[in-house]
Amino acid sequence: MKIVVLAGGTSTERDVSLSSGAMIYRALKNRGHKAILLDVYLGYECKETQGEDAERIFDSERDWAGELGTISEQNPDIEQVKAMRPDGHKNFFGPNVIRLCQAADAVFMALHGENGENGKIQACFDLMGITYTGTDYVSSALAMDKGISKELFVCHGIPTPSYIRFQKGKEQKETVSFPCIVKGCCGGSSVGVGIARTKEEYESALTEAFQYDDEVIVEQYIDGREFSVGVLEGKALPVIEIAPLEGFYNYKNKYQPGATVETCPAQIPDEKTKELQGYAEQAFSALRLKNYARMDFMMSREGRIFCLEANTLPGMTPTSLLPQEAAALGMNFEELCERILAASVK
C-alpha cells in the first residue's frame, strides 16, 4: 500500500510525534509498504509532487526518517518551528501534504497533541475522503478535552478523580484541597502538569499550566501506583505498570530511556487486572473511540482504581507503552502497526 506517515506539527508533543513517525515508517517499510514520512506542518517541496507525478514519490528510495533526532528532556520550542514557515498562519498543512495524503491509500496518524488528536485534521480528512488510522473527529475531540472526558466517565460509572475546571482570566470561586494535580485541559505528554502541596506551589503550577492552555483541570491527587491499558479494536491489552525512578510520570520520565521502570504484564492480582481492563474497555466505549487508544489509571494505596484520561493516538516511540503491551501478547511492533492499519482500511 502507498502510505503517508504523518508526524510533527506544532504541538508541545512535536518531538514525540516525530519519533513515533520514524518508528512507524520503518516498520511499514519493512513490511513491504510504499511508505513516506511527512511533517504535517513543514510539508515537502519537490517537482514530483505536482499532478500525477505525486505517485512516484512513493517509489522513492529516500530514507524519510534519516534526518530526525531524538526526544530531548524539554518539550520543543514551537515558535522556532513556526518561524520556519512564514505562511503558517494561512494554512496549517505544509506544502503538498494534502496532495500526497490524497494520493496515498491511507494516512498513518503519528501525530500527538493539539491539531493531531483534537479531531480537526480528522474532520478535514473526512471531508476530503482521505483514509486515516485512529479514531474519528468526534471521539478525538471528546477525548482530547479532559473535562468532557471526565463528565462522560462519571455518566458511565467509570471512577475518576474529583476535579474542577478553571478558565484563564476568570475568577476562581471553588476552593482547592492539597495535594492536587494541575494540568492543561487539552494538553498531553504531561507538559505543564504539576503537583501542588502548598498554596505557593499551586499558584506556580497554575501559571505553568496556563502557558499551554486557556483552561486547566485541578484534580484530586491519588497516592498510589500508576497503570496504563491499551485497547485495540475494543479489546483491552495487558496492563502495564509505570514507576518513575524519580518524581512522577512527567515529560522527561516518559521519553528518556531508563527514567521509568515499566512492568508488563503488571504484577497485580488477577481481579485487579480484570478491573483495569474492564474500565479501559468501558472508557473506550464511553468516548466512542475506534481502532485503538490507551487509557491511563491510578490505583490508590487502598486498591481503588481511578481512570485519568484517554490517549487517542498513543505514543509509538522506543519507550512507549502500547507497543510493550502488544509485545506481551506476542505481537511485535511491525505486527502492531499492520494491525492498526488493517483495522482502518477494511
C-alpha atoms as a PDB file:
ATOM      1  CA  MET A   1       0.000   0.000   0.000  1.00  0.00           C
ATOM      2  CA  LYS A   2       1.005   3.628  -0.514  1.00  0.00           C
ATOM      3  CA  ILE A   3       1.076   5.157   2.965  1.00  0.00           C
ATOM      4  CA  VAL A   4       1.817   8.632   4.297  1.00  0.00           C
ATOM      5  CA  VAL A   5       3.019   8.543   7.902  1.00  0.00           C
ATOM      6  CA  LEU A   6       2.013  11.949   9.243  1.00  0.00           C
ATOM      7  CA  ALA A   7       4.009  13.374  12.145  1.00  0.00           C
ATOM      8  CA  GLY A   8       5.479  16.567  13.592  1.00  0.00           C
ATOM      9  CA  GLY A   9       3.164  19.556  13.658  1.00  0.00           C
ATOM     10  CA  THR A  10       3.102  22.440  16.129  1.00  0.00           C
ATOM     11  CA  SER A  11       2.021  20.849  19.404  1.00  0.00           C
ATOM     12  CA  THR A  12       4.201  20.571  22.504  1.00  0.00           C
ATOM     13  CA  GLU A  13       4.440  16.856  21.661  1.00  0.00           C
ATOM     14  CA  ARG A  14       6.128  17.522  18.317  1.00  0.00           C
ATOM     15  CA  ASP A  15       9.372  15.679  19.135  1.00  0.00           C
ATOM     16  CA  VAL A  16       7.470  12.663  20.443  1.00  0.00           C
ATOM     17  CA  SER A  17       5.389  12.608  17.272  1.00  0.00           C
ATOM     18  CA  LEU A  18       8.462  12.652  15.033  1.00  0.00           C
ATOM     19  CA  SER A  19       9.941   9.755  16.999  1.00  0.00           C
ATOM     20  CA  SER A  20       6.679   7.800  16.700  1.00  0.00           C
ATOM     21  CA  GLY A  21       6.544   8.595  12.990  1.00  0.00           C
ATOM     22  CA  ALA A  22      10.069   7.353  12.377  1.00  0.00           C
ATOM     23  CA  MET A  23       9.355   4.057  14.138  1.00  0.00           C
ATOM     24  CA  ILE A  24       6.084   3.529  12.264  1.00  0.00           C
ATOM     25  CA  TYR A  25       7.625   4.498   8.915  1.00  0.00           C
ATOM     26  CA  ARG A  26      10.454   1.971   9.272  1.00  0.00           C
ATOM     27  CA  ALA A  27       8.060  -0.736  10.429  1.00  0.00           C
ATOM     28  CA  LEU A  28       5.783  -0.238   7.417  1.00  0.00           C
ATOM     29  CA  LYS A  29       8.736  -0.178   5.016  1.00  0.00           C
ATOM     30  CA  ASN A  30       9.963  -3.453   6.489  1.00  0.00           C
ATOM     31  CA  ARG A  31       6.500  -4.919   5.856  1.00  0.00           C
ATOM     32  CA  GLY A  32       6.816  -4.045   2.176  1.00  0.00           C
ATOM     33  CA  HIS A  33       4.596  -0.958   2.088  1.00  0.00           C
ATOM     34  CA  LYS A  34       5.433   2.108  -0.011  1.00  0.00           C
ATOM     35  CA  ALA A  35       5.640   4.478   2.934  1.00  0.00           C
ATOM     36  CA  ILE A  36       6.804   8.072   3.201  1.00  0.00           C
ATOM     37  CA  LEU A  37       7.132  10.230   6.327  1.00  0.00           C
ATOM     38  CA  LEU A  38       5.859  13.812   6.277  1.00  0.00           C
ATOM     39  CA  ASP A  39       5.881  16.646   8.790  1.00  0.00           C
ATOM     40  CA  VAL A  40       2.277  17.868   8.642  1.00  0.00           C
ATOM     41  CA  TYR A  41       3.358  21.486   9.212  1.00  0.00           C
ATOM     42  CA  LEU A  42       6.588  21.737   7.213  1.00  0.00           C
ATOM     43  CA  GLY A  43       5.460  19.524   4.327  1.00  0.00           C
ATOM     44  CA  TYR A  44       7.618  18.534   1.356  1.00  0.00           C
ATOM     45  CA  GLU A  45       8.597  20.541  -1.708  1.00  0.00           C
ATOM     46  CA  CYS A  46       9.600  18.678  -4.876  1.00  0.00           C
ATOM     47  CA  LYS A  47       8.577  18.865  -8.525  1.00  0.00           C
ATOM     48  CA  GLU A  48       7.289  15.276  -8.362  1.00  0.00           C
ATOM     49  CA  THR A  49       4.513  16.377  -6.014  1.00  0.00           C
ATOM     50  CA  GLN A  50       2.744  18.086  -8.895  1.00  0.00           C
ATOM     51  CA  GLY A  51      -0.134  16.318 -10.645  1.00  0.00           C
ATOM     52  CA  GLU A  52       0.152  12.619 -11.461  1.00  0.00           C
ATOM     53  CA  ASP A  53       3.877  12.611 -10.648  1.00  0.00           C
ATOM     54  CA  ALA A  54       2.919  12.538  -6.958  1.00  0.00           C
ATOM     55  CA  GLU A  55       2.569   8.756  -7.366  1.00  0.00           C
ATOM     56  CA  ARG A  56       6.323   8.484  -7.991  1.00  0.00           C
ATOM     57  CA  ILE A  57       7.116   9.833  -4.532  1.00  0.00           C
ATOM     58  CA  PHE A  58       6.014   6.535  -3.005  1.00  0.00           C
ATOM     59  CA  ASP A  59       8.591   4.633  -5.074  1.00  0.00           C
ATOM     60  CA  SER A  60      11.448   6.808  -3.814  1.00  0.00           C
ATOM     61  CA  GLU A  61      14.426   5.087  -2.156  1.00  0.00           C
ATOM     62  CA  ARG A  62      14.913   8.054   0.179  1.00  0.00           C
ATOM     63  CA  ASP A  63      15.148   7.366   3.926  1.00  0.00           C
ATOM     64  CA  TRP A  64      12.420   9.732   5.079  1.00  0.00           C
ATOM     65  CA  ALA A  65      13.305   9.214   8.747  1.00  0.00           C
ATOM     66  CA  GLY A  66      17.049   9.643   8.348  1.00  0.00           C
ATOM     67  CA  GLU A  67      17.237  13.275   9.463  1.00  0.00           C
ATOM     68  CA  LEU A  68      15.141  13.042  12.613  1.00  0.00           C
ATOM     69  CA  GLY A  69      16.713  13.480  16.031  1.00  0.00           C
ATOM     70  CA  THR A  70      15.887  12.026  19.423  1.00  0.00           C
ATOM     71  CA  ILE A  71      13.481  13.386  22.026  1.00  0.00           C
ATOM     72  CA  SER A  72      15.122  15.927  24.334  1.00  0.00           C
ATOM     73  CA  GLU A  73      14.392  16.257  28.045  1.00  0.00           C
ATOM     74  CA  GLN A  74      12.483  19.501  27.390  1.00  0.00           C
ATOM     75  CA  ASN A  75       9.466  19.992  25.151  1.00  0.00           C
ATOM     76  CA  PRO A  76      10.324  21.709  21.835  1.00  0.00           C
ATOM     77  CA  ASP A  77      10.361  25.434  21.027  1.00  0.00           C
ATOM     78  CA  ILE A  78       7.224  25.685  18.901  1.00  0.00           C
ATOM     79  CA  GLU A  79       7.754  29.339  17.982  1.00  0.00           C
ATOM     80  CA  GLN A  80      11.056  28.345  16.412  1.00  0.00           C
ATOM     81  CA  VAL A  81       9.262  25.685  14.362  1.00  0.00           C
ATOM     82  CA  LYS A  82       6.582  28.146  13.249  1.00  0.00           C
ATOM     83  CA  ALA A  83       9.260  30.588  12.131  1.00  0.00           C
ATOM     84  CA  MET A  84      10.354  28.037   9.528  1.00  0.00           C
ATOM     85  CA  ARG A  85       7.098  28.689   7.622  1.00  0.00           C
ATOM     86  CA  PRO A  86       6.190  32.387   7.254  1.00  0.00           C
ATOM     87  CA  ASP A  87       2.864  31.394   5.655  1.00  0.00           C
ATOM     88  CA  GLY A  88       1.901  29.069   8.516  1.00  0.00           C
ATOM     89  CA  HIS A  89      -0.830  31.417   9.732  1.00  0.00           C
ATOM     90  CA  LYS A  90      -2.654  30.969   6.411  1.00  0.00           C
ATOM     91  CA  ASN A  91      -2.632  27.178   6.215  1.00  0.00           C
ATOM     92  CA  PHE A  92      -1.705  24.662   8.901  1.00  0.00           C
ATOM     93  CA  PHE A  93      -0.846  21.996   6.343  1.00  0.00           C
ATOM     94  CA  GLY A  94       2.641  22.270   4.882  1.00  0.00           C
ATOM     95  CA  PRO A  95       3.442  22.224   1.155  1.00  0.00           C
ATOM     96  CA  ASN A  96       1.949  19.239  -0.690  1.00  0.00           C
ATOM     97  CA  VAL A  97       0.753  17.461   2.462  1.00  0.00           C
ATOM     98  CA  ILE A  98      -2.854  17.263   1.326  1.00  0.00           C
ATOM     99  CA  ARG A  99      -1.870  16.323  -2.236  1.00  0.00           C
ATOM    100  CA  LEU A 100       0.285  13.421  -1.051  1.00  0.00           C
ATOM    101  CA  CYS A 101      -2.290  12.259   1.502  1.00  0.00           C
ATOM    102  CA  GLN A 102      -4.898  12.145  -1.259  1.00  0.00           C
ATOM    103  CA  ALA A 103      -2.502  10.150  -3.450  1.00  0.00           C
ATOM    104  CA  ALA A 104      -1.936   7.583  -0.674  1.00  0.00           C
ATOM    105  CA  ASP A 105      -4.082   4.558   0.110  1.00  0.00           C
ATOM    106  CA  ALA A 106      -4.043   5.560   3.775  1.00  0.00           C
ATOM    107  CA  VAL A 107      -2.513   8.037   6.218  1.00  0.00           C
ATOM    108  CA  PHE A 108      -0.972   6.554   9.348  1.00  0.00           C
ATOM    109  CA  MET A 109      -1.511   9.191  12.030  1.00  0.00           C
ATOM    110  CA  ALA A 110       1.623   9.547  14.164  1.00  0.00           C
ATOM    111  CA  LEU A 111       0.570  12.968  15.454  1.00  0.00           C
ATOM    112  CA  HIS A 112       0.220  13.730  19.165  1.00  0.00           C
ATOM    113  CA  GLY A 113      -1.385  16.642  20.973  1.00  0.00           C
ATOM    114  CA  GLU A 114      -3.017  19.745  19.521  1.00  0.00           C
ATOM    115  CA  ASN A 115      -4.065  19.578  15.849  1.00  0.00           C
ATOM    116  CA  GLY A 116      -3.298  15.883  15.868  1.00  0.00           C
ATOM    117  CA  GLU A 117      -5.526  14.364  18.499  1.00  0.00           C
ATOM    118  CA  ASN A 118      -8.221  17.045  18.817  1.00  0.00           C
ATOM    119  CA  GLY A 119     -10.175  15.954  15.729  1.00  0.00           C
ATOM    120  CA  LYS A 120      -9.501  18.916  13.442  1.00  0.00           C
ATOM    121  CA  ILE A 121      -7.278  17.049  10.987  1.00  0.00           C
ATOM    122  CA  GLN A 122      -9.565  14.011  11.130  1.00  0.00           C
ATOM    123  CA  ALA A 123     -12.556  16.188  10.190  1.00  0.00           C
ATOM    124  CA  CYS A 124     -10.603  17.716   7.316  1.00  0.00           C
ATOM    125  CA  PHE A 125      -9.625  14.274   6.030  1.00  0.00           C
ATOM    126  CA  ASP A 126     -13.223  13.069   6.276  1.00  0.00           C
ATOM    127  CA  LEU A 127     -14.338  15.922   4.023  1.00  0.00           C
ATOM    128  CA  MET A 128     -11.590  15.083   1.525  1.00  0.00           C
ATOM    129  CA  GLY A 129     -12.189  11.336   1.509  1.00  0.00           C
ATOM    130  CA  ILE A 130      -8.744  10.556   2.980  1.00  0.00           C
ATOM    131  CA  THR A 131      -8.483   7.273   4.903  1.00  0.00           C
ATOM    132  CA  TYR A 132      -6.560   7.519   8.177  1.00  0.00           C
ATOM    133  CA  THR A 133      -5.682   5.426  11.226  1.00  0.00           C
ATOM    134  CA  GLY A 134      -7.084   6.037  14.678  1.00  0.00           C
ATOM    135  CA  THR A 135     -10.453   7.258  15.807  1.00  0.00           C
ATOM    136  CA  ASP A 136     -12.746   9.809  14.121  1.00  0.00           C
ATOM    137  CA  TYR A 137     -13.047  13.553  14.673  1.00  0.00           C
ATOM    138  CA  VAL A 138     -15.903  13.462  17.214  1.00  0.00           C
ATOM    139  CA  SER A 139     -14.293  10.946  19.555  1.00  0.00           C
ATOM    140  CA  SER A 140     -10.915  12.653  19.135  1.00  0.00           C
ATOM    141  CA  ALA A 141     -12.423  15.932  20.345  1.00  0.00           C
ATOM    142  CA  LEU A 142     -14.210  14.273  23.261  1.00  0.00           C
ATOM    143  CA  ALA A 143     -11.087  12.502  24.488  1.00  0.00           C
ATOM    144  CA  MET A 144      -8.785  15.496  24.000  1.00  0.00           C
ATOM    145  CA  ASP A 145     -10.807  17.629  26.421  1.00  0.00           C
ATOM    146  CA  LYS A 146     -10.121  16.143  29.855  1.00  0.00           C
ATOM    147  CA  GLY A 147     -13.136  17.909  31.352  1.00  0.00           C
ATOM    148  CA  ILE A 148     -15.550  16.392  28.818  1.00  0.00           C
ATOM    149  CA  SER A 149     -13.851  13.003  29.190  1.00  0.00           C
ATOM    150  CA  LYS A 150     -14.375  13.098  32.932  1.00  0.00           C
ATOM    151  CA  GLU A 151     -18.028  14.056  32.528  1.00  0.00           C
ATOM    152  CA  LEU A 152     -18.533  11.012  30.301  1.00  0.00           C
ATOM    153  CA  PHE A 153     -16.626   8.787  32.726  1.00  0.00           C
ATOM    154  CA  VAL A 154     -18.938   9.882  35.544  1.00  0.00           C
ATOM    155  CA  CYS A 155     -22.041   9.328  33.385  1.00  0.00           C
ATOM    156  CA  HIS A 156     -20.904   5.792  32.531  1.00  0.00           C
ATOM    157  CA  GLY A 157     -19.899   4.811  36.058  1.00  0.00           C
ATOM    158  CA  ILE A 158     -16.147   4.871  35.412  1.00  0.00           C
ATOM    159  CA  PRO A 159     -14.354   6.103  38.561  1.00  0.00           C
ATOM    160  CA  THR A 160     -12.203   9.201  38.043  1.00  0.00           C
ATOM    161  CA  PRO A 161     -10.542  11.626  40.488  1.00  0.00           C
ATOM    162  CA  SER A 162     -12.718  14.550  41.556  1.00  0.00           C
ATOM    163  CA  TYR A 163     -11.845  17.775  39.768  1.00  0.00           C
ATOM    164  CA  ILE A 164     -12.694  21.385  38.998  1.00  0.00           C
ATOM    165  CA  ARG A 165     -12.076  23.415  35.823  1.00  0.00           C
ATOM    166  CA  PHE A 166     -10.686  26.958  35.642  1.00  0.00           C
ATOM    167  CA  GLN A 167     -10.572  29.283  32.659  1.00  0.00           C
ATOM    168  CA  LYS A 168      -7.742  31.727  32.180  1.00  0.00           C
ATOM    169  CA  GLY A 169      -8.527  35.243  33.376  1.00  0.00           C
ATOM    170  CA  LYS A 170     -11.735  34.276  35.216  1.00  0.00           C
ATOM    171  CA  GLU A 171     -12.269  34.467  38.954  1.00  0.00           C
ATOM    172  CA  GLN A 172     -11.634  31.229  40.816  1.00  0.00           C
ATOM    173  CA  LYS A 173     -14.535  30.603  43.216  1.00  0.00           C
ATOM    174  CA  GLU A 174     -14.027  26.948  44.177  1.00  0.00           C
ATOM    175  CA  THR A 175     -11.681  26.010  46.995  1.00  0.00           C
ATOM    176  CA  VAL A 176      -8.846  23.573  46.370  1.00  0.00           C
ATOM    177  CA  SER A 177      -7.591  20.843  48.704  1.00  0.00           C
ATOM    178  CA  PHE A 178      -3.906  19.923  48.818  1.00  0.00           C
ATOM    179  CA  PRO A 179      -2.164  17.980  47.476  1.00  0.00           C
ATOM    180  CA  CYS A 180      -3.666  18.298  43.992  1.00  0.00           C
ATOM    181  CA  ILE A 181      -2.718  17.851  40.341  1.00  0.00           C
ATOM    182  CA  VAL A 182      -2.794  20.851  37.982  1.00  0.00           C
ATOM    183  CA  LYS A 183      -2.881  20.184  34.235  1.00  0.00           C
ATOM    184  CA  GLY A 184      -3.970  21.791  30.997  1.00  0.00           C
ATOM    185  CA  CYS A 185      -7.427  20.729  29.906  1.00  0.00           C
ATOM    186  CA  CYS A 186      -6.283  19.703  26.426  1.00  0.00           C
ATOM    187  CA  GLY A 187      -2.577  19.007  26.864  1.00  0.00           C
ATOM    188  CA  GLY A 188      -0.587  15.806  26.543  1.00  0.00           C
ATOM    189  CA  SER A 189       2.693  14.088  27.448  1.00  0.00           C
ATOM    190  CA  SER A 190       2.403  15.676  30.918  1.00  0.00           C
ATOM    191  CA  VAL A 191       3.591  19.022  29.531  1.00  0.00           C
ATOM    192  CA  GLY A 192       2.573  21.737  32.005  1.00  0.00           C
ATOM    193  CA  VAL A 193       1.444  19.195  34.633  1.00  0.00           C
ATOM    194  CA  GLY A 194       2.375  19.851  38.255  1.00  0.00           C
ATOM    195  CA  ILE A 195       1.742  18.522  41.746  1.00  0.00           C
ATOM    196  CA  ALA A 196       0.843  21.214  44.289  1.00  0.00           C
ATOM    197  CA  ARG A 197       1.130  20.606  48.039  1.00  0.00           C
ATOM    198  CA  THR A 198       1.030  24.242  49.162  1.00  0.00           C
ATOM    199  CA  LYS A 199      -0.656  27.450  48.048  1.00  0.00           C
ATOM    200  CA  GLU A 200       2.640  28.716  46.636  1.00  0.00           C
ATOM    201  CA  GLU A 201       3.167  25.535  44.603  1.00  0.00           C
ATOM    202  CA  TYR A 202      -0.445  25.743  43.436  1.00  0.00           C
ATOM    203  CA  GLU A 203      -0.062  29.299  42.136  1.00  0.00           C
ATOM    204  CA  SER A 204       3.155  28.325  40.368  1.00  0.00           C
ATOM    205  CA  ALA A 205       1.524  25.236  38.816  1.00  0.00           C
ATOM    206  CA  LEU A 206      -1.415  27.320  37.558  1.00  0.00           C
ATOM    207  CA  THR A 207       0.945  29.806  35.925  1.00  0.00           C
ATOM    208  CA  GLU A 208       2.829  26.961  34.228  1.00  0.00           C
ATOM    209  CA  ALA A 209      -0.341  25.196  33.019  1.00  0.00           C
ATOM    210  CA  PHE A 210      -1.834  28.413  31.634  1.00  0.00           C
ATOM    211  CA  GLN A 211       1.226  28.836  29.431  1.00  0.00           C
ATOM    212  CA  TYR A 212      -0.014  25.864  27.395  1.00  0.00           C
ATOM    213  CA  ASP A 213      -3.792  26.024  27.715  1.00  0.00           C
ATOM    214  CA  ASP A 214      -6.542  28.582  28.350  1.00  0.00           C
ATOM    215  CA  GLU A 215      -8.348  26.136  30.620  1.00  0.00           C
ATOM    216  CA  VAL A 216      -6.922  23.920  33.361  1.00  0.00           C
ATOM    217  CA  ILE A 217      -8.058  20.938  35.377  1.00  0.00           C
ATOM    218  CA  VAL A 218      -7.326  20.831  39.096  1.00  0.00           C
ATOM    219  CA  GLU A 219      -7.626  17.214  40.098  1.00  0.00           C
ATOM    220  CA  GLN A 220      -7.641  15.189  43.311  1.00  0.00           C
ATOM    221  CA  TYR A 221      -4.173  13.757  43.973  1.00  0.00           C
ATOM    222  CA  ILE A 222      -4.171   9.965  44.141  1.00  0.00           C
ATOM    223  CA  ASP A 223      -1.320   8.498  46.156  1.00  0.00           C
ATOM    224  CA  GLY A 224      -0.579   5.066  44.770  1.00  0.00           C
ATOM    225  CA  ARG A 225       0.529   3.132  41.680  1.00  0.00           C
ATOM    226  CA  GLU A 226       0.147   4.170  38.043  1.00  0.00           C
ATOM    227  CA  PHE A 227      -1.042   1.898  35.239  1.00  0.00           C
ATOM    228  CA  SER A 228      -1.963   2.092  31.580  1.00  0.00           C
ATOM    229  CA  VAL A 229      -4.142  -0.151  29.437  1.00  0.00           C
ATOM    230  CA  GLY A 230      -4.224  -0.120  25.662  1.00  0.00           C
ATOM    231  CA  VAL A 231      -7.387  -1.039  23.778  1.00  0.00           C
ATOM    232  CA  LEU A 232      -7.211  -2.439  20.261  1.00  0.00           C
ATOM    233  CA  GLU A 233     -10.499  -2.681  18.345  1.00  0.00           C
ATOM    234  CA  GLY A 234     -12.442  -2.595  21.621  1.00  0.00           C
ATOM    235  CA  LYS A 235     -10.432  -5.311  23.376  1.00  0.00           C
ATOM    236  CA  ALA A 236      -8.085  -4.459  26.263  1.00  0.00           C
ATOM    237  CA  LEU A 237      -4.401  -5.347  26.033  1.00  0.00           C
ATOM    238  CA  PRO A 238      -2.319  -6.481  29.043  1.00  0.00           C
ATOM    239  CA  VAL A 239      -1.953  -3.958  31.873  1.00  0.00           C
ATOM    240  CA  ILE A 240       1.389  -2.143  32.213  1.00  0.00           C
ATOM    241  CA  GLU A 241       2.618  -0.547  35.452  1.00  0.00           C
ATOM    242  CA  ILE A 242       4.635   2.676  35.302  1.00  0.00           C
ATOM    243  CA  ALA A 243       7.054   3.515  38.120  1.00  0.00           C
ATOM    244  CA  PRO A 244       9.332   6.553  37.579  1.00  0.00           C
ATOM    245  CA  LEU A 245      12.659   6.335  39.407  1.00  0.00           C
ATOM    246  CA  GLU A 246      12.268   9.981  40.462  1.00  0.00           C
ATOM    247  CA  GLY A 247       9.211  12.217  40.766  1.00  0.00           C
ATOM    248  CA  PHE A 248       6.079  11.485  38.736  1.00  0.00           C
ATOM    249  CA  TYR A 249       5.498  10.345  35.155  1.00  0.00           C
ATOM    250  CA  ASN A 250       6.352  13.706  33.554  1.00  0.00           C
ATOM    251  CA  TYR A 251       7.684  14.573  30.071  1.00  0.00           C
ATOM    252  CA  LYS A 252      11.283  13.688  30.958  1.00  0.00           C
ATOM    253  CA  ASN A 253      10.400  10.387  32.636  1.00  0.00           C
ATOM    254  CA  LYS A 254       8.169   9.357  29.751  1.00  0.00           C
ATOM    255  CA  TYR A 255      10.710   9.679  26.974  1.00  0.00           C
ATOM    256  CA  GLN A 256      14.211   9.346  28.436  1.00  0.00           C
ATOM    257  CA  PRO A 257      15.315   5.690  28.387  1.00  0.00           C
ATOM    258  CA  GLY A 258      15.922   4.288  31.859  1.00  0.00           C
ATOM    259  CA  ALA A 259      14.000   7.017  33.695  1.00  0.00           C
ATOM    260  CA  THR A 260      10.993   4.775  34.408  1.00  0.00           C
ATOM    261  CA  VAL A 261      10.514   1.122  35.322  1.00  0.00           C
ATOM    262  CA  GLU A 262       7.707  -0.358  33.219  1.00  0.00           C
ATOM    263  CA  THR A 263       6.348  -3.799  34.039  1.00  0.00           C
ATOM    264  CA  CYS A 264       4.089  -5.646  31.617  1.00  0.00           C
ATOM    265  CA  PRO A 265       2.050  -7.587  32.454  1.00  0.00           C
ATOM    266  CA  ALA A 266       1.690  -5.655  35.710  1.00  0.00           C
ATOM    267  CA  GLN A 267       2.343  -7.671  38.864  1.00  0.00           C
ATOM    268  CA  ILE A 268      -1.094  -7.288  40.440  1.00  0.00           C
ATOM    269  CA  PRO A 269      -3.869  -9.730  41.433  1.00  0.00           C
ATOM    270  CA  ASP A 270      -5.968 -11.147  38.589  1.00  0.00           C
ATOM    271  CA  GLU A 271      -9.090  -9.391  39.841  1.00  0.00           C
ATOM    272  CA  LYS A 272      -7.342  -6.004  39.626  1.00  0.00           C
ATOM    273  CA  THR A 273      -6.111  -6.797  36.122  1.00  0.00           C
ATOM    274  CA  LYS A 274      -9.665  -7.605  35.037  1.00  0.00           C
ATOM    275  CA  GLU A 275     -10.991  -4.477  36.754  1.00  0.00           C
ATOM    276  CA  LEU A 276      -8.487  -2.215  34.986  1.00  0.00           C
ATOM    277  CA  GLN A 277      -9.111  -3.859  31.620  1.00  0.00           C
ATOM    278  CA  GLY A 278     -12.860  -3.625  32.125  1.00  0.00           C
ATOM    279  CA  TYR A 279     -12.714   0.095  32.877  1.00  0.00           C
ATOM    280  CA  ALA A 280     -10.411   0.633  29.879  1.00  0.00           C
ATOM    281  CA  GLU A 281     -12.929  -1.001  27.561  1.00  0.00           C
ATOM    282  CA  GLN A 282     -15.759   0.992  29.172  1.00  0.00           C
ATOM    283  CA  ALA A 283     -13.846   4.241  28.664  1.00  0.00           C
ATOM    284  CA  PHE A 284     -13.147   3.291  25.036  1.00  0.00           C
ATOM    285  CA  SER A 285     -16.882   2.805  24.518  1.00  0.00           C
ATOM    286  CA  ALA A 286     -17.989   5.872  26.519  1.00  0.00           C
ATOM    287  CA  LEU A 287     -15.768   8.157  24.436  1.00  0.00           C
ATOM    288  CA  ARG A 288     -16.985   6.463  21.203  1.00  0.00           C
ATOM    289  CA  LEU A 289     -13.414   5.557  20.266  1.00  0.00           C
ATOM    290  CA  LYS A 290     -12.456   3.461  17.264  1.00  0.00           C
ATOM    291  CA  ASN A 291      -9.404   1.477  16.108  1.00  0.00           C
ATOM    292  CA  TYR A 292      -7.102   1.864  19.118  1.00  0.00           C
ATOM    293  CA  ALA A 293      -6.354   4.022  22.159  1.00  0.00           C
ATOM    294  CA  ARG A 294      -4.732   3.886  25.579  1.00  0.00           C
ATOM    295  CA  MET A 295      -6.261   4.646  28.975  1.00  0.00           C
ATOM    296  CA  ASP A 296      -4.260   5.874  31.986  1.00  0.00           C
ATOM    297  CA  PHE A 297      -5.116   4.894  35.565  1.00  0.00           C
ATOM    298  CA  MET A 298      -4.095   5.375  39.186  1.00  0.00           C
ATOM    299  CA  MET A 299      -4.655   2.780  41.911  1.00  0.00           C
ATOM    300  CA  SER A 300      -4.739   4.187  45.430  1.00  0.00           C
ATOM    301  CA  ARG A 301      -2.926   2.524  48.306  1.00  0.00           C
ATOM    302  CA  GLU A 302      -6.336   1.169  49.359  1.00  0.00           C
ATOM    303  CA  GLY A 303      -6.744  -0.526  45.967  1.00  0.00           C
ATOM    304  CA  ARG A 304      -9.296   1.888  44.467  1.00  0.00           C
ATOM    305  CA  ILE A 305      -8.949   2.442  40.708  1.00  0.00           C
ATOM    306  CA  PHE A 306      -9.313   5.847  39.033  1.00  0.00           C
ATOM    307  CA  CYS A 307      -9.339   6.493  35.277  1.00  0.00           C
ATOM    308  CA  LEU A 308      -7.366   9.637  34.465  1.00  0.00           C
ATOM    309  CA  GLU A 309      -7.737  10.108  30.706  1.00  0.00           C
ATOM    310  CA  ALA A 310      -7.658   8.559  27.240  1.00  0.00           C
ATOM    311  CA  ASN A 311      -4.940   8.887  24.595  1.00  0.00           C
ATOM    312  CA  THR A 312      -6.405   8.500  21.109  1.00  0.00           C
ATOM    313  CA  LEU A 313      -3.049   8.424  19.291  1.00  0.00           C
ATOM    314  CA  PRO A 314      -0.764   6.898  21.932  1.00  0.00           C
ATOM    315  CA  GLY A 315       2.989   7.122  21.538  1.00  0.00           C
ATOM    316  CA  MET A 316       4.809   4.665  19.301  1.00  0.00           C
ATOM    317  CA  THR A 317       8.343   5.612  20.358  1.00  0.00           C
ATOM    318  CA  PRO A 318      11.126   3.305  21.624  1.00  0.00           C
ATOM    319  CA  THR A 319       9.916   3.888  25.214  1.00  0.00           C
ATOM    320  CA  SER A 320       6.138   3.921  24.557  1.00  0.00           C
ATOM    321  CA  LEU A 321       3.653   1.819  26.481  1.00  0.00           C
ATOM    322  CA  LEU A 322       1.257   0.484  23.821  1.00  0.00           C
ATOM    323  CA  PRO A 323       3.963  -1.443  21.897  1.00  0.00           C
ATOM    324  CA  GLN A 324       5.109  -3.014  25.169  1.00  0.00           C
ATOM    325  CA  GLU A 325       1.569  -4.156  25.922  1.00  0.00           C
ATOM    326  CA  ALA A 326       1.203  -5.638  22.442  1.00  0.00           C
ATOM    327  CA  ALA A 327       4.571  -7.389  22.841  1.00  0.00           C
ATOM    328  CA  ALA A 328       3.258  -9.080  25.986  1.00  0.00           C
ATOM    329  CA  LEU A 329       0.744 -10.803  23.685  1.00  0.00           C
ATOM    330  CA  GLY A 330       3.491 -11.842  21.272  1.00  0.00           C
ATOM    331  CA  MET A 331       2.739  -9.045  18.791  1.00  0.00           C
ATOM    332  CA  ASN A 332       5.883  -7.236  17.667  1.00  0.00           C
ATOM    333  CA  PHE A 333       5.995  -3.569  16.639  1.00  0.00           C
ATOM    334  CA  GLU A 334       5.653  -4.248  12.909  1.00  0.00           C
ATOM    335  CA  GLU A 335       2.667  -6.531  13.505  1.00  0.00           C
ATOM    336  CA  LEU A 336       1.047  -3.893  15.728  1.00  0.00           C
ATOM    337  CA  CYS A 337       1.400  -1.243  13.008  1.00  0.00           C
ATOM    338  CA  GLU A 338      -0.020  -3.651  10.424  1.00  0.00           C
ATOM    339  CA  ARG A 339      -2.963  -4.466  12.708  1.00  0.00           C
ATOM    340  CA  ILE A 340      -3.753  -0.767  13.251  1.00  0.00           C
ATOM    341  CA  LEU A 341      -3.511  -0.096   9.530  1.00  0.00           C
ATOM    342  CA  ALA A 342      -5.676  -3.064   8.557  1.00  0.00           C
ATOM    343  CA  ALA A 343      -8.400  -2.016  11.022  1.00  0.00           C
ATOM    344  CA  SER A 344      -8.507   1.433   9.399  1.00  0.00           C
ATOM    345  CA  VAL A 345      -8.824   0.418   5.756  1.00  0.00           C
ATOM    346  CA  LYS A 346     -11.219  -2.521   5.996  1.00  0.00           C
END
